[in-house]
Amino acid sequence: MIAVIGLALGIVVGLVVSPDVPPALQPYLPIAVVAALDALFGGVRAQLEGKFNDRVFITSFLSNVLVAALLVFLGDQLGVGSQLSTAVIVVLGIRIFSNAASIRRLIFKA
């Protein structure tokens, strides 16, 4: 519940403050958002399964964002940034949809 409140508060603050992202960090923002969504959906699924652990959620959240950003940075340094960004998005997208399917099964028992 705290995570959902934090997410809602973060969205409201982001909409009210409307921060500017420095141009150097703009390629990393979408990847970080998708990585954070992956951790969020994983946390919701774990909560519904009765396995939620706040330490696991926080470390998953931070490590997902960090690893995804490092992969995109490495891709930029190697000159294949867009391909590696696409790969990260695909992998995290698959995980998000897998978690969403698990959540649907847990909620609707189908």
PDB file of N, CA and C in Angstrom:
ATOM      1  N   MET A   1       0.819  -1.191   0.000  1.00  0.00           N
ATOM      2  CA  MET A   1       0.000   0.000   0.000  1.00  0.00           C
ATOM      3  C   MET A   1       0.861   1.252   0.000  1.00  0.00           C
ATOM      4  N   ILE A   2       1.961   1.212   0.728  1.00  0.00           N
ATOM      5  CA  ILE A   2       2.869   2.351   0.778  1.00  0.00           C
ATOM      6  C   ILE A   2       3.451   2.628  -0.596  1.00  0.00           C
ATOM      7  N   ALA A   3       3.757   1.571  -1.347  1.00  0.00           N
ATOM      8  CA  ALA A   3       4.306   1.748  -2.685  1.00  0.00           C
ATOM      9  C   ALA A   3       3.311   2.437  -3.608  1.00  0.00           C
ATOM     10  N   VAL A   4       2.046   2.076  -3.509  1.00  0.00           N
ATOM     11  CA  VAL A   4       1.016   2.686  -4.351  1.00  0.00           C
ATOM     12  C   VAL A   4       0.836   4.156  -3.980  1.00  0.00           C
ATOM     13  N   ILE A   5       0.841   4.458  -2.688  1.00  0.00           N
ATOM     14  CA  ILE A   5       0.735   5.852  -2.242  1.00  0.00           C
ATOM     15  C   ILE A   5       1.943   6.649  -2.727  1.00  0.00           C
ATOM     16  N   GLY A   6       3.124   6.056  -2.618  1.00  0.00           N
ATOM     17  CA  GLY A   6       4.338   6.722  -3.101  1.00  0.00           C
ATOM     18  C   GLY A   6       4.297   6.966  -4.595  1.00  0.00           C
ATOM     19  N   LEU A   7       3.800   5.985  -5.344  1.00  0.00           N
ATOM     20  CA  LEU A   7       3.679   6.138  -6.787  1.00  0.00           C
ATOM     21  C   LEU A   7       2.714   7.262  -7.133  1.00  0.00           C
ATOM     22  N   ALA A   8       1.551   7.270  -6.482  1.00  0.00           N
ATOM     23  CA  ALA A   8       0.559   8.313  -6.742  1.00  0.00           C
ATOM     24  C   ALA A   8       1.113   9.689  -6.373  1.00  0.00           C
ATOM     25  N   LEU A   9       1.780   9.779  -5.243  1.00  0.00           N
ATOM     26  CA  LEU A   9       2.368  11.044  -4.813  1.00  0.00           C
ATOM     27  C   LEU A   9       3.445  11.502  -5.794  1.00  0.00           C
ATOM     28  N   GLY A  10       4.257  10.565  -6.256  1.00  0.00           N
ATOM     29  CA  GLY A  10       5.300  10.899  -7.225  1.00  0.00           C
ATOM     30  C   GLY A  10       4.729  11.401  -8.541  1.00  0.00           C
ATOM     31  N   ILE A  11       3.636  10.792  -8.999  1.00  0.00           N
ATOM     32  CA  ILE A  11       2.996  11.239 -10.235  1.00  0.00           C
ATOM     33  C   ILE A  11       2.431  12.646 -10.070  1.00  0.00           C
ATOM     34  N   VAL A  12       1.764  12.892  -8.936  1.00  0.00           N
ATOM     35  CA  VAL A  12       1.188  14.217  -8.688  1.00  0.00           C
ATOM     36  C   VAL A  12       2.289  15.274  -8.614  1.00  0.00           C
ATOM     37  N   VAL A  13       3.351  14.982  -7.882  1.00  0.00           N
ATOM     38  CA  VAL A  13       4.455  15.946  -7.765  1.00  0.00           C
ATOM     39  C   VAL A  13       5.090  16.190  -9.137  1.00  0.00           C
ATOM     40  N   GLY A  14       5.261  15.133  -9.919  1.00  0.00           N
ATOM     41  CA  GLY A  14       5.831  15.288 -11.257  1.00  0.00           C
ATOM     42  C   GLY A  14       4.967  16.137 -12.164  1.00  0.00           C
ATOM     43  N   LEU A  15       3.651  15.986 -12.056  1.00  0.00           N
ATOM     44  CA  LEU A  15       2.751  16.788 -12.882  1.00  0.00           C
ATOM     45  C   LEU A  15       2.707  18.243 -12.436  1.00  0.00           C
ATOM     46  N   VAL A  16       2.765  18.484 -11.122  1.00  0.00           N
ATOM     47  CA  VAL A  16       2.698  19.842 -10.598  1.00  0.00           C
ATOM     48  C   VAL A  16       4.014  20.581 -10.848  1.00  0.00           C
ATOM     49  N   VAL A  17       5.127  19.950 -10.553  1.00  0.00           N
ATOM     50  CA  VAL A  17       6.428  20.599 -10.670  1.00  0.00           C
ATOM     51  C   VAL A  17       6.896  20.652 -12.121  1.00  0.00           C
ATOM     52  N   SER A  18       6.568  19.651 -12.909  1.00  0.00           N
ATOM     53  CA  SER A  18       6.953  19.547 -14.321  1.00  0.00           C
ATOM     54  C   SER A  18       8.464  19.780 -14.505  1.00  0.00           C
ATOM     55  N   PRO A  19       9.273  18.865 -13.988  1.00  0.00           N
ATOM     56  CA  PRO A  19      10.726  19.064 -14.060  1.00  0.00           C
ATOM     57  C   PRO A  19      11.262  18.907 -15.474  1.00  0.00           C
ATOM     58  N   ASP A  20      12.350  19.624 -15.764  1.00  0.00           N
ATOM     59  CA  ASP A  20      13.033  19.499 -17.044  1.00  0.00           C
ATOM     60  C   ASP A  20      14.136  18.468 -16.908  1.00  0.00           C
ATOM     61  N   VAL A  21      14.170  17.537 -17.845  1.00  0.00           N
ATOM     62  CA  VAL A  21      15.209  16.509 -17.846  1.00  0.00           C
ATOM     63  C   VAL A  21      16.363  17.019 -18.692  1.00  0.00           C
ATOM     64  N   PRO A  22      17.580  17.003 -18.153  1.00  0.00           N
ATOM     65  CA  PRO A  22      18.732  17.447 -18.954  1.00  0.00           C
ATOM     66  C   PRO A  22      18.861  16.604 -20.224  1.00  0.00           C
ATOM     67  N   PRO A  23      19.254  17.219 -21.327  1.00  0.00           N
ATOM     68  CA  PRO A  23      19.360  16.485 -22.592  1.00  0.00           C
ATOM     69  C   PRO A  23      20.264  15.253 -22.516  1.00  0.00           C
ATOM     70  N   ALA A  24      21.284  15.285 -21.685  1.00  0.00           N
ATOM     71  CA  ALA A  24      22.200  14.145 -21.571  1.00  0.00           C
ATOM     72  C   ALA A  24      21.519  12.931 -20.940  1.00  0.00           C
ATOM     73  N   LEU A  25      20.485  13.165 -20.133  1.00  0.00           N
ATOM     74  CA  LEU A  25      19.792  12.064 -19.452  1.00  0.00           C
ATOM     75  C   LEU A  25      18.521  11.624 -20.160  1.00  0.00           C
ATOM     76  N   GLN A  26      18.090  12.337 -21.191  1.00  0.00           N
ATOM     77  CA  GLN A  26      16.840  12.020 -21.862  1.00  0.00           C
ATOM     78  C   GLN A  26      16.789  10.612 -22.457  1.00  0.00           C
ATOM     79  N   PRO A  27      17.875  10.052 -23.003  1.00  0.00           N
ATOM     80  CA  PRO A  27      17.769   8.679 -23.523  1.00  0.00           C
ATOM     81  C   PRO A  27      17.541   7.629 -22.435  1.00  0.00           C
ATOM     82  N   TYR A  28      17.885   7.952 -21.200  1.00  0.00           N
ATOM     83  CA  TYR A  28      17.794   6.983 -20.114  1.00  0.00           C
ATOM     84  C   TYR A  28      16.449   7.011 -19.397  1.00  0.00           C
ATOM     85  N   LEU A  29      15.711   8.098 -19.523  1.00  0.00           N
ATOM     86  CA  LEU A  29      14.454   8.238 -18.789  1.00  0.00           C
ATOM     87  C   LEU A  29      13.408   7.193 -19.179  1.00  0.00           C
ATOM     88  N   PRO A  30      13.141   6.952 -20.470  1.00  0.00           N
ATOM     89  CA  PRO A  30      12.140   5.928 -20.794  1.00  0.00           C
ATOM     90  C   PRO A  30      12.535   4.538 -20.306  1.00  0.00           C
ATOM     91  N   ILE A  31      13.818   4.232 -20.377  1.00  0.00           N
ATOM     92  CA  ILE A  31      14.300   2.931 -19.915  1.00  0.00           C
ATOM     93  C   ILE A  31      14.110   2.820 -18.410  1.00  0.00           C
ATOM     94  N   ALA A  32      14.412   3.884 -17.682  1.00  0.00           N
ATOM     95  CA  ALA A  32      14.251   3.870 -16.230  1.00  0.00           C
ATOM     96  C   ALA A  32      12.782   3.718 -15.848  1.00  0.00           C
ATOM     97  N   VAL A  33      11.889   4.365 -16.588  1.00  0.00           N
ATOM     98  CA  VAL A  33      10.460   4.261 -16.294  1.00  0.00           C
ATOM     99  C   VAL A  33       9.975   2.832 -16.518  1.00  0.00           C
ATOM    100  N   VAL A  34      10.379   2.214 -17.625  1.00  0.00           N
ATOM    101  CA  VAL A  34       9.955   0.838 -17.907  1.00  0.00           C
ATOM    102  C   VAL A  34      10.539  -0.113 -16.863  1.00  0.00           C
ATOM    103  N   ALA A  35      11.789   0.097 -16.460  1.00  0.00           N
ATOM    104  CA  ALA A  35      12.391  -0.754 -15.430  1.00  0.00           C
ATOM    105  C   ALA A  35      11.658  -0.589 -14.100  1.00  0.00           C
ATOM    106  N   ALA A  36      11.263   0.637 -13.778  1.00  0.00           N
ATOM    107  CA  ALA A  36      10.513   0.873 -12.544  1.00  0.00           C
ATOM    108  C   ALA A  36       9.133   0.219 -12.615  1.00  0.00           C
ATOM    109  N   LEU A  37       8.476   0.280 -13.775  1.00  0.00           N
ATOM    110  CA  LEU A  37       7.186  -0.378 -13.935  1.00  0.00           C
ATOM    111  C   LEU A  37       7.304  -1.887 -13.774  1.00  0.00           C
ATOM    112  N   ASP A  38       8.409  -2.448 -14.264  1.00  0.00           N
ATOM    113  CA  ASP A  38       8.632  -3.885 -14.093  1.00  0.00           C
ATOM    114  C   ASP A  38       8.693  -4.235 -12.609  1.00  0.00           C
ATOM    115  N   ALA A  39       9.433  -3.458 -11.844  1.00  0.00           N
ATOM    116  CA  ALA A  39       9.527  -3.706 -10.401  1.00  0.00           C
ATOM    117  C   ALA A  39       8.171  -3.508  -9.731  1.00  0.00           C
ATOM    118  N   LEU A  40       7.419  -2.502 -10.156  1.00  0.00           N
ATOM    119  CA  LEU A  40       6.114  -2.239  -9.570  1.00  0.00           C
ATOM    120  C   LEU A  40       5.146  -3.396  -9.818  1.00  0.00           C
ATOM    121  N   PHE A  41       5.079  -3.876 -11.066  1.00  0.00           N
ATOM    122  CA  PHE A  41       4.197  -4.997 -11.368  1.00  0.00           C
ATOM    123  C   PHE A  41       4.646  -6.262 -10.618  1.00  0.00           C
ATOM    124  N   GLY A  42       5.945  -6.457 -10.501  1.00  0.00           N
ATOM    125  CA  GLY A  42       6.445  -7.591  -9.721  1.00  0.00           C
ATOM    126  C   GLY A  42       6.060  -7.485  -8.261  1.00  0.00           C
ATOM    127  N   GLY A  43       6.095  -6.274  -7.719  1.00  0.00           N
ATOM    128  CA  GLY A  43       5.690  -6.062  -6.328  1.00  0.00           C
ATOM    129  C   GLY A  43       4.207  -6.312  -6.108  1.00  0.00           C
ATOM    130  N   VAL A  44       3.391  -5.881  -7.060  1.00  0.00           N
ATOM    131  CA  VAL A  44       1.949  -6.119  -6.953  1.00  0.00           C
ATOM    132  C   VAL A  44       1.668  -7.618  -6.998  1.00  0.00           C
ATOM    133  N   ARG A  45       2.335  -8.316  -7.931  1.00  0.00           N
ATOM    134  CA  ARG A  45       2.132  -9.767  -8.023  1.00  0.00           C
ATOM    135  C   ARG A  45       2.558 -10.460  -6.726  1.00  0.00           C
ATOM    136  N   ALA A  46       3.713 -10.055  -6.186  1.00  0.00           N
ATOM    137  CA  ALA A  46       4.186 -10.658  -4.935  1.00  0.00           C
ATOM    138  C   ALA A  46       3.217 -10.381  -3.793  1.00  0.00           C
ATOM    139  N   GLN A  47       2.644  -9.192  -3.757  1.00  0.00           N
ATOM    140  CA  GLN A  47       1.661  -8.860  -2.714  1.00  0.00           C
ATOM    141  C   GLN A  47       0.437  -9.756  -2.823  1.00  0.00           C
ATOM    142  N   LEU A  48      -0.042  -9.952  -4.044  1.00  0.00           N
ATOM    143  CA  LEU A  48      -1.225 -10.799  -4.239  1.00  0.00           C
ATOM    144  C   LEU A  48      -0.935 -12.264  -3.909  1.00  0.00           C
ATOM    145  N   GLU A  49       0.315 -12.686  -4.097  1.00  0.00           N
ATOM    146  CA  GLU A  49       0.697 -14.058  -3.768  1.00  0.00           C
ATOM    147  C   GLU A  49       1.046 -14.218  -2.294  1.00  0.00           C
ATOM    148  N   GLY A  50       1.082 -13.120  -1.561  1.00  0.00           N
ATOM    149  CA  GLY A  50       1.426 -13.171  -0.143  1.00  0.00           C
ATOM    150  C   GLY A  50       2.913 -13.320   0.108  1.00  0.00           C
ATOM    151  N   LYS A  51       3.746 -12.950  -0.874  1.00  0.00           N
ATOM    152  CA  LYS A  51       5.197 -13.105  -0.758  1.00  0.00           C
ATOM    153  C   LYS A  51       5.926 -11.769  -0.748  1.00  0.00           C
ATOM    154  N   PHE A  52       5.210 -10.661  -0.617  1.00  0.00           N
ATOM    155  CA  PHE A  52       5.832  -9.341  -0.731  1.00  0.00           C
ATOM    156  C   PHE A  52       6.809  -9.095   0.401  1.00  0.00           C
ATOM    157  N   ASN A  53       7.971  -8.573   0.037  1.00  0.00           N
ATOM    158  CA  ASN A  53       8.999  -8.183   1.003  1.00  0.00           C
ATOM    159  C   ASN A  53       9.488  -6.812   0.572  1.00  0.00           C
ATOM    160  N   ASP A  54       9.417  -5.838   1.461  1.00  0.00           N
ATOM    161  CA  ASP A  54       9.774  -4.479   1.074  1.00  0.00           C
ATOM    162  C   ASP A  54      11.245  -4.345   0.677  1.00  0.00           C
ATOM    163  N   ARG A  55      12.121  -5.085   1.318  1.00  0.00           N
ATOM    164  CA  ARG A  55      13.542  -5.029   0.951  1.00  0.00           C
ATOM    165  C   ARG A  55      13.770  -5.572  -0.456  1.00  0.00           C
ATOM    166  N   VAL A  56      13.094  -6.656  -0.785  1.00  0.00           N
ATOM    167  CA  VAL A  56      13.213  -7.223  -2.125  1.00  0.00           C
ATOM    168  C   VAL A  56      12.674  -6.234  -3.143  1.00  0.00           C
ATOM    169  N   PHE A  57      11.548  -5.585  -2.828  1.00  0.00           N
ATOM    170  CA  PHE A  57      10.962  -4.619  -3.758  1.00  0.00           C
ATOM    171  C   PHE A  57      11.913  -3.449  -3.997  1.00  0.00           C
ATOM    172  N   ILE A  58      12.459  -2.878  -2.954  1.00  0.00           N
ATOM    173  CA  ILE A  58      13.359  -1.719  -3.094  1.00  0.00           C
ATOM    174  C   ILE A  58      14.608  -2.102  -3.869  1.00  0.00           C
ATOM    175  N   THR A  59      15.217  -3.237  -3.526  1.00  0.00           N
ATOM    176  CA  THR A  59      16.433  -3.637  -4.247  1.00  0.00           C
ATOM    177  C   THR A  59      16.110  -3.994  -5.696  1.00  0.00           C
ATOM    178  N   SER A  60      14.974  -4.600  -5.937  1.00  0.00           N
ATOM    179  CA  SER A  60      14.562  -4.909  -7.310  1.00  0.00           C
ATOM    180  C   SER A  60      14.349  -3.623  -8.086  1.00  0.00           C
ATOM    181  N   PHE A  61      13.666  -2.675  -7.485  1.00  0.00           N
ATOM    182  CA  PHE A  61      13.396  -1.394  -8.130  1.00  0.00           C
ATOM    183  C   PHE A  61      14.701  -0.695  -8.504  1.00  0.00           C
ATOM    184  N   LEU A  62      15.590  -0.551  -7.530  1.00  0.00           N
ATOM    185  CA  LEU A  62      16.844   0.164  -7.778  1.00  0.00           C
ATOM    186  C   LEU A  62      17.753  -0.581  -8.745  1.00  0.00           C
ATOM    187  N   SER A  63      17.854  -1.893  -8.579  1.00  0.00           N
ATOM    188  CA  SER A  63      18.747  -2.643  -9.462  1.00  0.00           C
ATOM    189  C   SER A  63      18.202  -2.698 -10.892  1.00  0.00           C
ATOM    190  N   ASN A  64      16.884  -2.813 -11.067  1.00  0.00           N
ATOM    191  CA  ASN A  64      16.312  -2.784 -12.416  1.00  0.00           C
ATOM    192  C   ASN A  64      16.654  -1.481 -13.125  1.00  0.00           C
ATOM    193  N   VAL A  65      16.437  -0.371 -12.438  1.00  0.00           N
ATOM    194  CA  VAL A  65      16.708   0.936 -13.041  1.00  0.00           C
ATOM    195  C   VAL A  65      18.203   1.092 -13.321  1.00  0.00           C
ATOM    196  N   LEU A  66      19.033   0.707 -12.383  1.00  0.00           N
ATOM    197  CA  LEU A  66      20.474   0.848 -12.551  1.00  0.00           C
ATOM    198  C   LEU A  66      21.010  -0.025 -13.689  1.00  0.00           C
ATOM    199  N   VAL A  67      20.616  -1.287 -13.714  1.00  0.00           N
ATOM    200  CA  VAL A  67      21.101  -2.195 -14.766  1.00  0.00           C
ATOM    201  C   VAL A  67      20.602  -1.748 -16.136  1.00  0.00           C
ATOM    202  N   ALA A  68      19.336  -1.350 -16.230  1.00  0.00           N
ATOM    203  CA  ALA A  68      18.801  -0.892 -17.511  1.00  0.00           C
ATOM    204  C   ALA A  68      19.540   0.356 -17.985  1.00  0.00           C
ATOM    205  N   ALA A  69      19.783   1.304 -17.098  1.00  0.00           N
ATOM    206  CA  ALA A  69      20.503   2.519 -17.473  1.00  0.00           C
ATOM    207  C   ALA A  69      21.945   2.197 -17.876  1.00  0.00           C
ATOM    208  N   LEU A  70      22.576   1.281 -17.152  1.00  0.00           N
ATOM    209  CA  LEU A  70      23.947   0.902 -17.515  1.00  0.00           C
ATOM    210  C   LEU A  70      24.005   0.215 -18.880  1.00  0.00           C
ATOM    211  N   LEU A  71      23.023  -0.613 -19.192  1.00  0.00           N
ATOM    212  CA  LEU A  71      22.989  -1.253 -20.502  1.00  0.00           C
ATOM    213  C   LEU A  71      22.826  -0.229 -21.622  1.00  0.00           C
ATOM    214  N   VAL A  72      21.962   0.744 -21.415  1.00  0.00           N
ATOM    215  CA  VAL A  72      21.778   1.788 -22.430  1.00  0.00           C
ATOM    216  C   VAL A  72      23.043   2.631 -22.549  1.00  0.00           C
ATOM    217  N   PHE A  73      23.665   2.964 -21.431  1.00  0.00           N
ATOM    218  CA  PHE A  73      24.913   3.717 -21.469  1.00  0.00           C
ATOM    219  C   PHE A  73      25.999   2.941 -22.217  1.00  0.00           C
ATOM    220  N   LEU A  74      26.106   1.652 -21.913  1.00  0.00           N
ATOM    221  CA  LEU A  74      27.086   0.818 -22.602  1.00  0.00           C
ATOM    222  C   LEU A  74      26.797   0.774 -24.100  1.00  0.00           C
ATOM    223  N   GLY A  75      25.526   0.649 -24.462  1.00  0.00           N
ATOM    224  CA  GLY A  75      25.148   0.658 -25.874  1.00  0.00           C
ATOM    225  C   GLY A  75      25.511   1.965 -26.547  1.00  0.00           C
ATOM    226  N   ASP A  76      25.313   3.086 -25.844  1.00  0.00           N
ATOM    227  CA  ASP A  76      25.701   4.388 -26.396  1.00  0.00           C
ATOM    228  C   ASP A  76      27.206   4.464 -26.610  1.00  0.00           C
ATOM    229  N   GLN A  77      27.958   3.946 -25.661  1.00  0.00           N
ATOM    230  CA  GLN A  77      29.410   3.980 -25.779  1.00  0.00           C
ATOM    231  C   GLN A  77      29.909   3.103 -26.917  1.00  0.00           C
ATOM    232  N   LEU A  78      29.214   2.005 -27.182  1.00  0.00           N
ATOM    233  CA  LEU A  78      29.606   1.092 -28.261  1.00  0.00           C
ATOM    234  C   LEU A  78      29.026   1.497 -29.608  1.00  0.00           C
ATOM    235  N   GLY A  79      28.154   2.504 -29.610  1.00  0.00           N
ATOM    236  CA  GLY A  79      27.550   2.956 -30.853  1.00  0.00           C
ATOM    237  C   GLY A  79      26.328   2.164 -31.271  1.00  0.00           C
ATOM    238  N   VAL A  80      25.792   1.362 -30.382  1.00  0.00           N
ATOM    239  CA  VAL A  80      24.593   0.570 -30.676  1.00  0.00           C
ATOM    240  C   VAL A  80      23.515   0.873 -29.631  1.00  0.00           C
ATOM    241  N   GLY A  81      23.411   2.136 -29.247  1.00  0.00           N
ATOM    242  CA  GLY A  81      22.498   2.524 -28.178  1.00  0.00           C
ATOM    243  C   GLY A  81      21.050   2.206 -28.467  1.00  0.00           C
ATOM    244  N   SER A  82      20.598   2.469 -29.697  1.00  0.00           N
ATOM    245  CA  SER A  82      19.183   2.236 -29.993  1.00  0.00           C
ATOM    246  C   SER A  82      18.855   0.747 -29.991  1.00  0.00           C
ATOM    247  N   GLN A  83      19.784  -0.082 -30.467  1.00  0.00           N
ATOM    248  CA  GLN A  83      19.528  -1.525 -30.477  1.00  0.00           C
ATOM    249  C   GLN A  83      19.488  -2.085 -29.059  1.00  0.00           C
ATOM    250  N   LEU A  84      20.407  -1.645 -28.237  1.00  0.00           N
ATOM    251  CA  LEU A  84      20.431  -2.136 -26.860  1.00  0.00           C
ATOM    252  C   LEU A  84      19.234  -1.585 -26.070  1.00  0.00           C
ATOM    253  N   SER A  85      18.826  -0.362 -26.352  1.00  0.00           N
ATOM    254  CA  SER A  85      17.630   0.196 -25.709  1.00  0.00           C
ATOM    255  C   SER A  85      16.410  -0.625 -26.078  1.00  0.00           C
ATOM    256  N   THR A  86      16.315  -0.985 -27.352  1.00  0.00           N
ATOM    257  CA  THR A  86      15.190  -1.805 -27.799  1.00  0.00           C
ATOM    258  C   THR A  86      15.203  -3.163 -27.108  1.00  0.00           C
ATOM    259  N   ALA A  87      16.373  -3.751 -26.969  1.00  0.00           N
ATOM    260  CA  ALA A  87      16.480  -5.049 -26.301  1.00  0.00           C
ATOM    261  C   ALA A  87      16.028  -4.955 -24.848  1.00  0.00           C
ATOM    262  N   VAL A  88      16.434  -3.898 -24.156  1.00  0.00           N
ATOM    263  CA  VAL A  88      16.041  -3.713 -22.753  1.00  0.00           C
ATOM    264  C   VAL A  88      14.532  -3.539 -22.654  1.00  0.00           C
ATOM    265  N   ILE A  89      13.952  -2.733 -23.542  1.00  0.00           N
ATOM    266  CA  ILE A  89      12.508  -2.509 -23.535  1.00  0.00           C
ATOM    267  C   ILE A  89      11.754  -3.809 -23.793  1.00  0.00           C
ATOM    268  N   VAL A  90      12.244  -4.613 -24.743  1.00  0.00           N
ATOM    269  CA  VAL A  90      11.575  -5.880 -25.063  1.00  0.00           C
ATOM    270  C   VAL A  90      11.616  -6.817 -23.864  1.00  0.00           C
ATOM    271  N   VAL A  91      12.779  -6.972 -23.257  1.00  0.00           N
ATOM    272  CA  VAL A  91      12.907  -7.890 -22.116  1.00  0.00           C
ATOM    273  C   VAL A  91      12.041  -7.430 -20.946  1.00  0.00           C
ATOM    274  N   LEU A  92      12.110  -6.155 -20.616  1.00  0.00           N
ATOM    275  CA  LEU A  92      11.301  -5.659 -19.500  1.00  0.00           C
ATOM    276  C   LEU A  92       9.819  -5.684 -19.841  1.00  0.00           C
ATOM    277  N   GLY A  93       9.484  -5.426 -21.110  1.00  0.00           N
ATOM    278  CA  GLY A  93       8.087  -5.506 -21.530  1.00  0.00           C
ATOM    279  C   GLY A  93       7.530  -6.907 -21.378  1.00  0.00           C
ATOM    280  N   ILE A  94       8.321  -7.898 -21.745  1.00  0.00           N
ATOM    281  CA  ILE A  94       7.894  -9.286 -21.576  1.00  0.00           C
ATOM    282  C   ILE A  94       7.651  -9.585 -20.102  1.00  0.00           C
ATOM    283  N   ARG A  95       8.535  -9.109 -19.238  1.00  0.00           N
ATOM    284  CA  ARG A  95       8.365  -9.332 -17.797  1.00  0.00           C
ATOM    285  C   ARG A  95       7.117  -8.624 -17.265  1.00  0.00           C
ATOM    286  N   ILE A  96       6.868  -7.407 -17.758  1.00  0.00           N
ATOM    287  CA  ILE A  96       5.686  -6.659 -17.318  1.00  0.00           C
ATOM    288  C   ILE A  96       4.421  -7.402 -17.718  1.00  0.00           C
ATOM    289  N   PHE A  97       4.353  -7.861 -18.978  1.00  0.00           N
ATOM    290  CA  PHE A  97       3.157  -8.576 -19.425  1.00  0.00           C
ATOM    291  C   PHE A  97       3.006  -9.916 -18.709  1.00  0.00           C
ATOM    292  N   SER A  98       4.104 -10.560 -18.393  1.00  0.00           N
ATOM    293  CA  SER A  98       4.036 -11.812 -17.642  1.00  0.00           C
ATOM    294  C   SER A  98       3.485 -11.565 -16.238  1.00  0.00           C
ATOM    295  N   ASN A  99       3.972 -10.514 -15.588  1.00  0.00           N
ATOM    296  CA  ASN A  99       3.459 -10.163 -14.263  1.00  0.00           C
ATOM    297  C   ASN A  99       1.996  -9.744 -14.340  1.00  0.00           C
ATOM    298  N   ALA A 100       1.632  -8.992 -15.389  1.00  0.00           N
ATOM    299  CA  ALA A 100       0.233  -8.573 -15.544  1.00  0.00           C
ATOM    300  C   ALA A 100      -0.674  -9.789 -15.723  1.00  0.00           C
ATOM    301  N   ALA A 101      -0.217 -10.786 -16.473  1.00  0.00           N
ATOM    302  CA  ALA A 101      -1.007 -12.006 -16.646  1.00  0.00           C
ATOM    303  C   ALA A 101      -1.152 -12.742 -15.318  1.00  0.00           C
ATOM    304  N   SER A 102      -0.092 -12.800 -14.542  1.00  0.00           N
ATOM    305  CA  SER A 102      -0.169 -13.441 -13.226  1.00  0.00           C
ATOM    306  C   SER A 102      -1.122 -12.688 -12.304  1.00  0.00           C
ATOM    307  N   ILE A 103      -1.082 -11.376 -12.349  1.00  0.00           N
ATOM    308  CA  ILE A 103      -1.974 -10.555 -11.530  1.00  0.00           C
ATOM    309  C   ILE A 103      -3.420 -10.819 -11.938  1.00  0.00           C
ATOM    310  N   ARG A 104      -3.660 -10.858 -13.243  1.00  0.00           N
ATOM    311  CA  ARG A 104      -5.023 -11.128 -13.730  1.00  0.00           C
ATOM    312  C   ARG A 104      -5.509 -12.493 -13.237  1.00  0.00           C
ATOM    313  N   ARG A 105      -4.646 -13.502 -13.333  1.00  0.00           N
ATOM    314  CA  ARG A 105      -5.040 -14.837 -12.869  1.00  0.00           C
ATOM    315  C   ARG A 105      -5.321 -14.850 -11.367  1.00  0.00           C
ATOM    316  N   LEU A 106      -4.500 -14.130 -10.610  1.00  0.00           N
ATOM    317  CA  LEU A 106      -4.706 -14.095  -9.151  1.00  0.00           C
ATOM    318  C   LEU A 106      -5.971 -13.343  -8.766  1.00  0.00           C
ATOM    319  N   ILE A 107      -6.284 -12.289  -9.472  1.00  0.00           N
ATOM    320  CA  ILE A 107      -7.472 -11.487  -9.131  1.00  0.00           C
ATOM    321  C   ILE A 107      -8.747 -12.183  -9.577  1.00  0.00           C
ATOM    322  N   PHE A 108      -8.754 -12.665 -10.824  1.00  0.00           N
ATOM    323  CA  PHE A 108      -9.988 -13.222 -11.389  1.00  0.00           C
ATOM    324  C   PHE A 108     -10.053 -14.739 -11.291  1.00  0.00           C
ATOM    325  N   LYS A 109      -9.023 -15.358 -10.743  1.00  0.00           N
ATOM    326  CA  LYS A 109      -8.974 -16.815 -10.590  1.00  0.00           C
ATOM    327  C   LYS A 109      -9.217 -17.519 -11.930  1.00  0.00           C
ATOM    328  N   ALA A 110      -8.688 -16.903 -12.994  1.00  0.00           N
ATOM    329  CA  ALA A 110      -8.866 -17.486 -14.336  1.00  0.00           C
ATOM    330  C   ALA A 110      -7.544 -17.676 -15.020  1.00  0.00           C
TER     331      ALA A 110
END
